Amino acid sequence: MTRPITAGVDGSEESLAALAWAAREADRRGTPLHVVHAWRFQTLDAAGAGDRDAQERWARDSVAESVRAVTERHPDLTVSTEIREADDAVAVLLAAAADAETLVLGSRGHGAVVGFLLGSVGQQVIAETNRPVVLVRAGGEAAGREVVVGQQGDPEDSADVIGFAFEAAAARGAAVRAVRAWALPTVFTYSPGSMRLADEAGGLEQYERKALGEALGPWRERFPDVPVIEHVEMGSAGQVLLSVAAGAQLVVVGRRARRTAVGARIGSVAHGVLHHADCPVAVVPHT
């Protein structure tokens, strides 16, 4: 069974932009689109009275209107909807993501957050799901012609992240710009002996370029028609990615969730790119 591209909508401008992005992506890839909306019963007056049926009708009508706008633009797209009353939006989205190829949500980046927007809900979903999540801001399709992807660690560590970027680029007819950022080592990470060996091998930058090339090799073979730009730069990974994101249609980053006393948290690179990139950002969990 083909997994759908799933969009979480809450009626906000950002979530409608996410729905539009998800519809374009599903159309490009020839996959179904699944639309998820979780609504919470609200009392309507000081006496605590509310009309649950009326609120559910409003939720269904709102989703139906959004879906109509999508199907008018993509008449061949297969669209399904899921409308649920729920107190826990995170649980609804995690369940939807489990069956999805990709989950798409709206994001305001720096600003205040509501509903499914990046914040406590979106961040929890990104940290806890094992599926890719794309965050989209309002404003339409990004104008860039590149899919920018960050590569770190060994080739096997970033295989899922790079694979997602190549598939996205192939669907768009875009190039992949693969970015590997590196920092000068400290005395705590490199011994004098290892530094001498690195210098004899041509310096640390040459080592980083070799590591990036090895990570890209299998994907170049699998997607021979996708142009590839290798970008190696000394600096913070988040800052380097953001510096090249202006030419991007999509930025793809990996994440390793870590748990703290206050719950799951995503890594600093993914967090920084999500908050500051103007184009959509895909967060792909490492296996």
Protein backbone atom coordinates (compact mmCIF):
# COMPACT_ATOMS: atom_id res chain seq x y z
CA MET A 1 0.00 0.00 0.00
CA THR A 2 1.31 3.45 -0.95
CA ARG A 3 1.82 5.72 2.03
CA PRO A 4 0.12 9.13 1.68
CA ILE A 5 1.55 12.58 2.14
CA THR A 6 -0.34 13.72 5.27
CA ALA A 7 -1.10 17.33 6.19
CA GLY A 8 -2.22 18.48 9.64
CA VAL A 9 -4.58 21.46 9.38
CA ASP A 10 -6.00 23.72 12.09
CA GLY A 11 -7.53 26.55 10.03
CA SER A 12 -4.52 28.86 10.36
CA GLU A 13 -2.87 30.53 7.37
CA GLU A 14 0.28 28.52 7.99
CA SER A 15 -1.49 25.17 8.10
CA LEU A 16 -3.31 25.98 4.86
CA ALA A 17 0.09 26.73 3.29
CA ALA A 18 1.23 23.34 4.59
CA LEU A 19 -1.82 21.70 2.99
CA ALA A 20 -1.09 23.38 -0.34
CA TRP A 21 2.56 22.24 -0.15
CA ALA A 22 1.50 18.69 0.73
CA ALA A 23 -0.92 18.61 -2.22
CA ARG A 24 1.79 19.74 -4.65
CA GLU A 25 4.16 17.14 -3.24
CA ALA A 26 1.58 14.34 -3.48
CA ASP A 27 0.80 15.40 -7.05
CA ARG A 28 4.49 15.39 -7.98
CA ARG A 29 5.04 11.93 -6.53
CA GLY A 30 1.74 10.38 -7.61
CA THR A 31 0.78 9.52 -4.03
CA PRO A 32 -2.51 10.09 -2.13
CA LEU A 33 -3.03 13.10 0.13
CA HIS A 34 -4.43 12.60 3.63
CA VAL A 35 -5.75 15.60 5.60
CA VAL A 36 -5.96 15.44 9.41
CA HIS A 37 -7.82 17.85 11.68
CA ALA A 38 -8.22 17.47 15.45
CA TRP A 39 -10.80 19.68 17.11
CA ARG A 40 -11.38 20.24 20.79
CA PHE A 41 -14.79 20.93 22.31
CA GLN A 42 -15.05 24.51 23.57
CA THR A 43 -17.67 25.84 25.98
CA LEU A 44 -19.37 28.87 24.48
CA ASP A 45 -20.65 30.86 27.45
CA ALA A 46 -20.05 31.57 31.12
CA ALA A 47 -22.55 28.88 32.12
CA GLY A 48 -20.39 26.28 30.43
CA ALA A 49 -22.95 25.40 27.76
CA GLY A 50 -21.77 24.43 24.31
CA ASP A 51 -23.07 22.77 21.21
CA ARG A 52 -20.75 19.85 20.40
CA ASP A 53 -22.62 18.93 17.20
CA ALA A 54 -22.39 22.48 15.88
CA GLN A 55 -18.67 22.64 16.59
CA GLU A 56 -18.09 19.32 14.85
CA ARG A 57 -20.07 20.53 11.81
CA TRP A 58 -17.96 23.69 11.73
CA ALA A 59 -14.77 21.59 11.83
CA ARG A 60 -15.97 19.32 9.03
CA ASP A 61 -17.14 22.23 6.88
CA SER A 62 -13.84 24.04 7.38
CA VAL A 63 -11.82 20.99 6.31
CA ALA A 64 -14.13 20.34 3.37
CA GLU A 65 -13.66 23.90 2.12
CA SER A 66 -9.88 23.58 2.37
CA VAL A 67 -9.93 20.26 0.53
CA ARG A 68 -12.13 21.71 -2.23
CA ALA A 69 -9.54 24.42 -2.85
CA VAL A 70 -6.85 21.74 -3.16
CA THR A 71 -8.80 19.46 -5.48
CA GLU A 72 -9.62 22.37 -7.78
CA ARG A 73 -5.89 22.88 -8.30
CA HIS A 74 -5.08 19.15 -8.40
CA PRO A 75 -8.15 17.41 -9.90
CA ASP A 76 -6.40 14.03 -10.29
CA LEU A 77 -5.27 13.90 -6.66
CA THR A 78 -6.77 11.24 -4.38
CA VAL A 79 -7.67 12.94 -1.08
CA SER A 80 -8.91 11.44 2.19
CA THR A 81 -9.76 13.26 5.41
CA GLU A 82 -9.65 12.42 9.11
CA ILE A 83 -11.53 14.69 11.51
CA ARG A 84 -11.35 13.79 15.18
CA GLU A 85 -12.38 15.30 18.48
CA ALA A 86 -9.32 15.07 20.71
CA ASP A 87 -7.70 16.81 23.64
CA ASP A 88 -4.21 15.67 22.63
CA ALA A 89 -3.21 16.98 19.20
CA VAL A 90 0.25 15.40 19.51
CA ALA A 91 -1.25 11.90 19.81
CA VAL A 92 -3.45 12.48 16.75
CA LEU A 93 -0.53 13.70 14.66
CA LEU A 94 1.80 10.93 15.78
CA ALA A 95 -0.79 8.33 14.83
CA ALA A 96 -1.27 9.98 11.45
CA ALA A 97 2.48 10.24 10.86
CA ALA A 98 2.97 6.52 11.56
CA ASP A 99 1.02 5.66 8.40
CA ALA A 100 2.35 8.53 6.28
CA GLU A 101 5.21 8.88 3.85
CA THR A 102 5.71 12.41 5.18
CA LEU A 103 3.80 14.57 7.66
CA VAL A 104 3.44 18.26 6.72
CA LEU A 105 2.66 20.98 9.29
CA GLY A 106 2.52 24.77 9.33
CA SER A 107 5.18 26.89 11.02
CA ARG A 108 5.48 30.53 12.06
CA GLY A 109 9.16 30.23 12.89
CA HIS A 110 9.96 33.02 15.35
CA GLY A 111 6.43 34.03 16.27
CA ALA A 112 3.70 32.96 18.64
CA VAL A 113 2.34 29.48 18.09
CA VAL A 114 -1.11 27.94 18.03
CA GLY A 115 -2.61 24.62 17.02
CA PHE A 116 -0.26 22.48 14.92
CA LEU A 117 2.26 25.27 14.37
CA LEU A 118 5.86 24.84 15.37
CA GLY A 119 5.96 25.07 19.15
CA SER A 120 5.12 22.57 21.84
CA VAL A 121 2.93 20.46 19.52
CA GLY A 122 5.07 20.56 16.39
CA GLN A 123 8.31 20.11 18.30
CA GLN A 124 6.96 17.10 20.20
CA VAL A 125 5.78 15.49 16.99
CA ILE A 126 9.16 16.03 15.30
CA ALA A 127 11.01 14.64 18.30
CA GLU A 128 8.84 11.55 18.78
CA THR A 129 7.87 10.36 15.31
CA ASN A 130 10.02 8.05 13.21
CA ARG A 131 8.67 9.58 9.99
CA PRO A 132 9.89 12.71 8.13
CA VAL A 133 8.12 15.95 9.05
CA VAL A 134 8.07 19.04 6.81
CA LEU A 135 7.39 22.47 8.33
CA VAL A 136 5.96 25.09 5.96
CA ARG A 137 5.48 28.82 6.46
CA ALA A 138 2.77 30.88 4.81
CA GLY A 139 3.71 32.50 1.52
CA GLY A 140 3.57 29.83 -1.18
CA GLU A 141 6.19 27.70 -2.89
CA ALA A 142 9.80 28.69 -2.31
CA ALA A 143 11.43 30.10 -5.44
CA GLY A 144 14.79 28.32 -5.17
CA ARG A 145 15.85 25.52 -7.50
CA GLU A 146 17.91 23.52 -5.02
CA VAL A 147 17.19 20.99 -2.32
CA VAL A 148 19.75 21.70 0.40
CA VAL A 149 20.65 18.82 2.69
CA GLY A 150 22.95 18.73 5.71
CA GLN A 151 25.27 15.73 6.02
CA GLN A 152 27.05 14.81 9.24
CA GLY A 153 28.82 11.76 10.57
CA ASP A 154 29.46 8.54 8.69
CA PRO A 155 27.65 7.69 5.42
CA GLU A 156 25.30 5.19 7.09
CA ASP A 157 24.33 7.78 9.72
CA SER A 158 22.92 10.16 7.12
CA ALA A 159 21.58 7.73 4.51
CA ASP A 160 17.89 8.40 5.23
CA VAL A 161 18.42 12.17 5.24
CA ILE A 162 20.31 12.23 1.95
CA GLY A 163 17.88 9.76 0.38
CA PHE A 164 14.94 12.03 1.24
CA ALA A 165 16.73 15.00 -0.35
CA PHE A 166 17.50 13.13 -3.58
CA GLU A 167 13.92 11.85 -3.90
CA ALA A 168 12.59 15.38 -3.37
CA ALA A 169 15.01 16.81 -5.92
CA ALA A 170 14.17 14.14 -8.50
CA ALA A 171 10.44 14.85 -8.12
CA ARG A 172 11.09 18.58 -8.71
CA GLY A 173 13.76 18.43 -11.38
CA ALA A 174 16.00 20.28 -8.92
CA ALA A 175 19.64 20.01 -7.87
CA VAL A 176 20.87 18.72 -4.53
CA ARG A 177 23.27 20.94 -2.60
CA ALA A 178 24.88 18.69 0.00
CA VAL A 179 26.41 20.61 2.90
CA ARG A 180 28.99 19.33 5.34
CA ALA A 181 30.13 21.85 7.96
CA TRP A 182 33.17 21.29 10.10
CA ALA A 183 34.83 23.05 12.98
CA LEU A 184 38.46 23.24 14.05
CA PRO A 185 39.11 20.42 16.52
CA THR A 186 39.97 21.06 20.14
CA VAL A 187 42.67 19.35 22.17
CA PHE A 188 39.91 17.24 23.66
CA THR A 189 38.78 15.76 20.33
CA TYR A 190 42.07 15.34 18.47
CA SER A 191 45.46 14.24 19.74
CA PRO A 192 48.65 15.77 18.32
CA GLY A 193 49.29 12.47 16.54
CA SER A 194 45.91 12.45 14.81
CA MET A 195 46.37 16.08 13.77
CA ARG A 196 49.74 15.20 12.21
CA LEU A 197 48.17 12.31 10.28
CA ALA A 198 45.37 14.60 9.08
CA ASP A 199 47.91 17.15 7.84
CA GLU A 200 49.84 14.43 6.01
CA ALA A 201 46.59 13.34 4.32
CA GLY A 202 46.05 16.83 2.95
CA GLY A 203 44.38 18.65 5.83
CA LEU A 204 41.06 18.42 7.58
CA GLU A 205 39.06 20.02 4.78
CA GLN A 206 40.16 17.32 2.36
CA TYR A 207 39.05 14.70 4.91
CA GLU A 208 35.63 16.37 5.19
CA ARG A 209 35.25 16.47 1.39
CA LYS A 210 36.13 12.79 1.19
CA ALA A 211 33.55 11.94 3.87
CA LEU A 212 30.84 13.92 2.05
CA GLY A 213 31.68 12.28 -1.27
CA GLU A 214 31.43 8.81 0.26
CA ALA A 215 28.03 9.62 1.75
CA LEU A 216 26.74 10.90 -1.59
CA GLY A 217 28.15 8.08 -3.74
CA PRO A 218 25.28 5.57 -3.54
CA TRP A 219 22.67 8.27 -4.13
CA ARG A 220 24.48 9.69 -7.16
CA GLU A 221 24.32 6.19 -8.66
CA ARG A 222 20.64 5.77 -7.81
CA PHE A 223 19.68 9.24 -9.13
CA PRO A 224 22.11 9.89 -12.00
CA ASP A 225 19.98 12.69 -13.48
CA VAL A 226 19.98 14.79 -10.29
CA PRO A 227 22.71 17.47 -10.36
CA VAL A 228 24.78 17.54 -7.17
CA ILE A 229 26.70 20.43 -5.63
CA GLU A 230 29.10 19.52 -2.82
CA HIS A 231 29.49 22.29 -0.25
CA VAL A 232 32.11 21.92 2.50
CA GLU A 233 32.64 24.86 4.82
CA MET A 234 34.17 25.45 8.20
CA GLY A 235 31.63 26.74 10.71
CA SER A 236 28.53 25.93 12.68
CA ALA A 237 26.34 23.41 10.84
CA GLY A 238 23.18 25.44 11.44
CA GLN A 239 24.73 28.71 10.31
CA VAL A 240 26.27 27.17 7.19
CA LEU A 241 22.95 25.58 6.20
CA LEU A 242 21.11 28.87 6.68
CA SER A 243 23.72 30.74 4.65
CA VAL A 244 22.91 28.66 1.55
CA ALA A 245 19.16 28.30 2.19
CA ALA A 246 18.34 31.46 0.21
CA GLY A 247 18.65 29.42 -2.99
CA ALA A 248 16.66 26.49 -1.65
CA GLN A 249 13.20 25.20 -2.44
CA LEU A 250 13.55 22.83 0.52
CA VAL A 251 16.10 22.31 3.30
CA VAL A 252 16.53 18.79 4.68
CA VAL A 253 18.10 18.15 8.07
CA GLY A 254 18.47 15.05 10.21
CA ARG A 255 17.61 14.74 13.85
CA ARG A 256 18.43 12.60 16.81
CA ALA A 257 15.85 13.18 19.51
CA ARG A 258 17.08 13.41 23.06
CA ARG A 259 14.99 13.17 26.18
CA THR A 260 15.25 15.58 29.07
CA ALA A 261 13.39 16.06 32.33
CA VAL A 262 10.79 18.15 30.46
CA GLY A 263 10.31 15.76 27.53
CA ALA A 264 11.73 15.08 24.08
CA ARG A 265 13.86 17.73 22.38
CA ILE A 266 15.23 17.98 18.86
CA GLY A 267 18.86 18.84 18.15
CA SER A 268 20.18 22.37 18.00
CA VAL A 269 20.87 22.30 14.24
CA ALA A 270 17.34 21.20 13.34
CA HIS A 271 15.87 23.64 15.86
CA GLY A 272 17.83 26.59 14.49
CA VAL A 273 17.07 25.86 10.84
CA LEU A 274 13.35 25.37 11.58
CA HIS A 275 13.13 28.75 13.27
CA HIS A 276 15.14 30.79 10.78
CA ALA A 277 14.86 29.29 7.27
CA ASP A 278 12.35 31.02 5.01
CA CYS A 279 11.70 27.94 2.87
CA PRO A 280 10.06 24.67 3.97
CA VAL A 281 12.26 22.47 6.17
CA ALA A 282 12.14 18.66 6.25
CA VAL A 283 13.30 16.98 9.45
CA VAL A 284 14.23 13.35 8.84
CA PRO A 285 14.90 11.05 11.81
CA HIS A 286 18.12 9.05 11.77
CA THR A 287 17.59 5.30 11.92
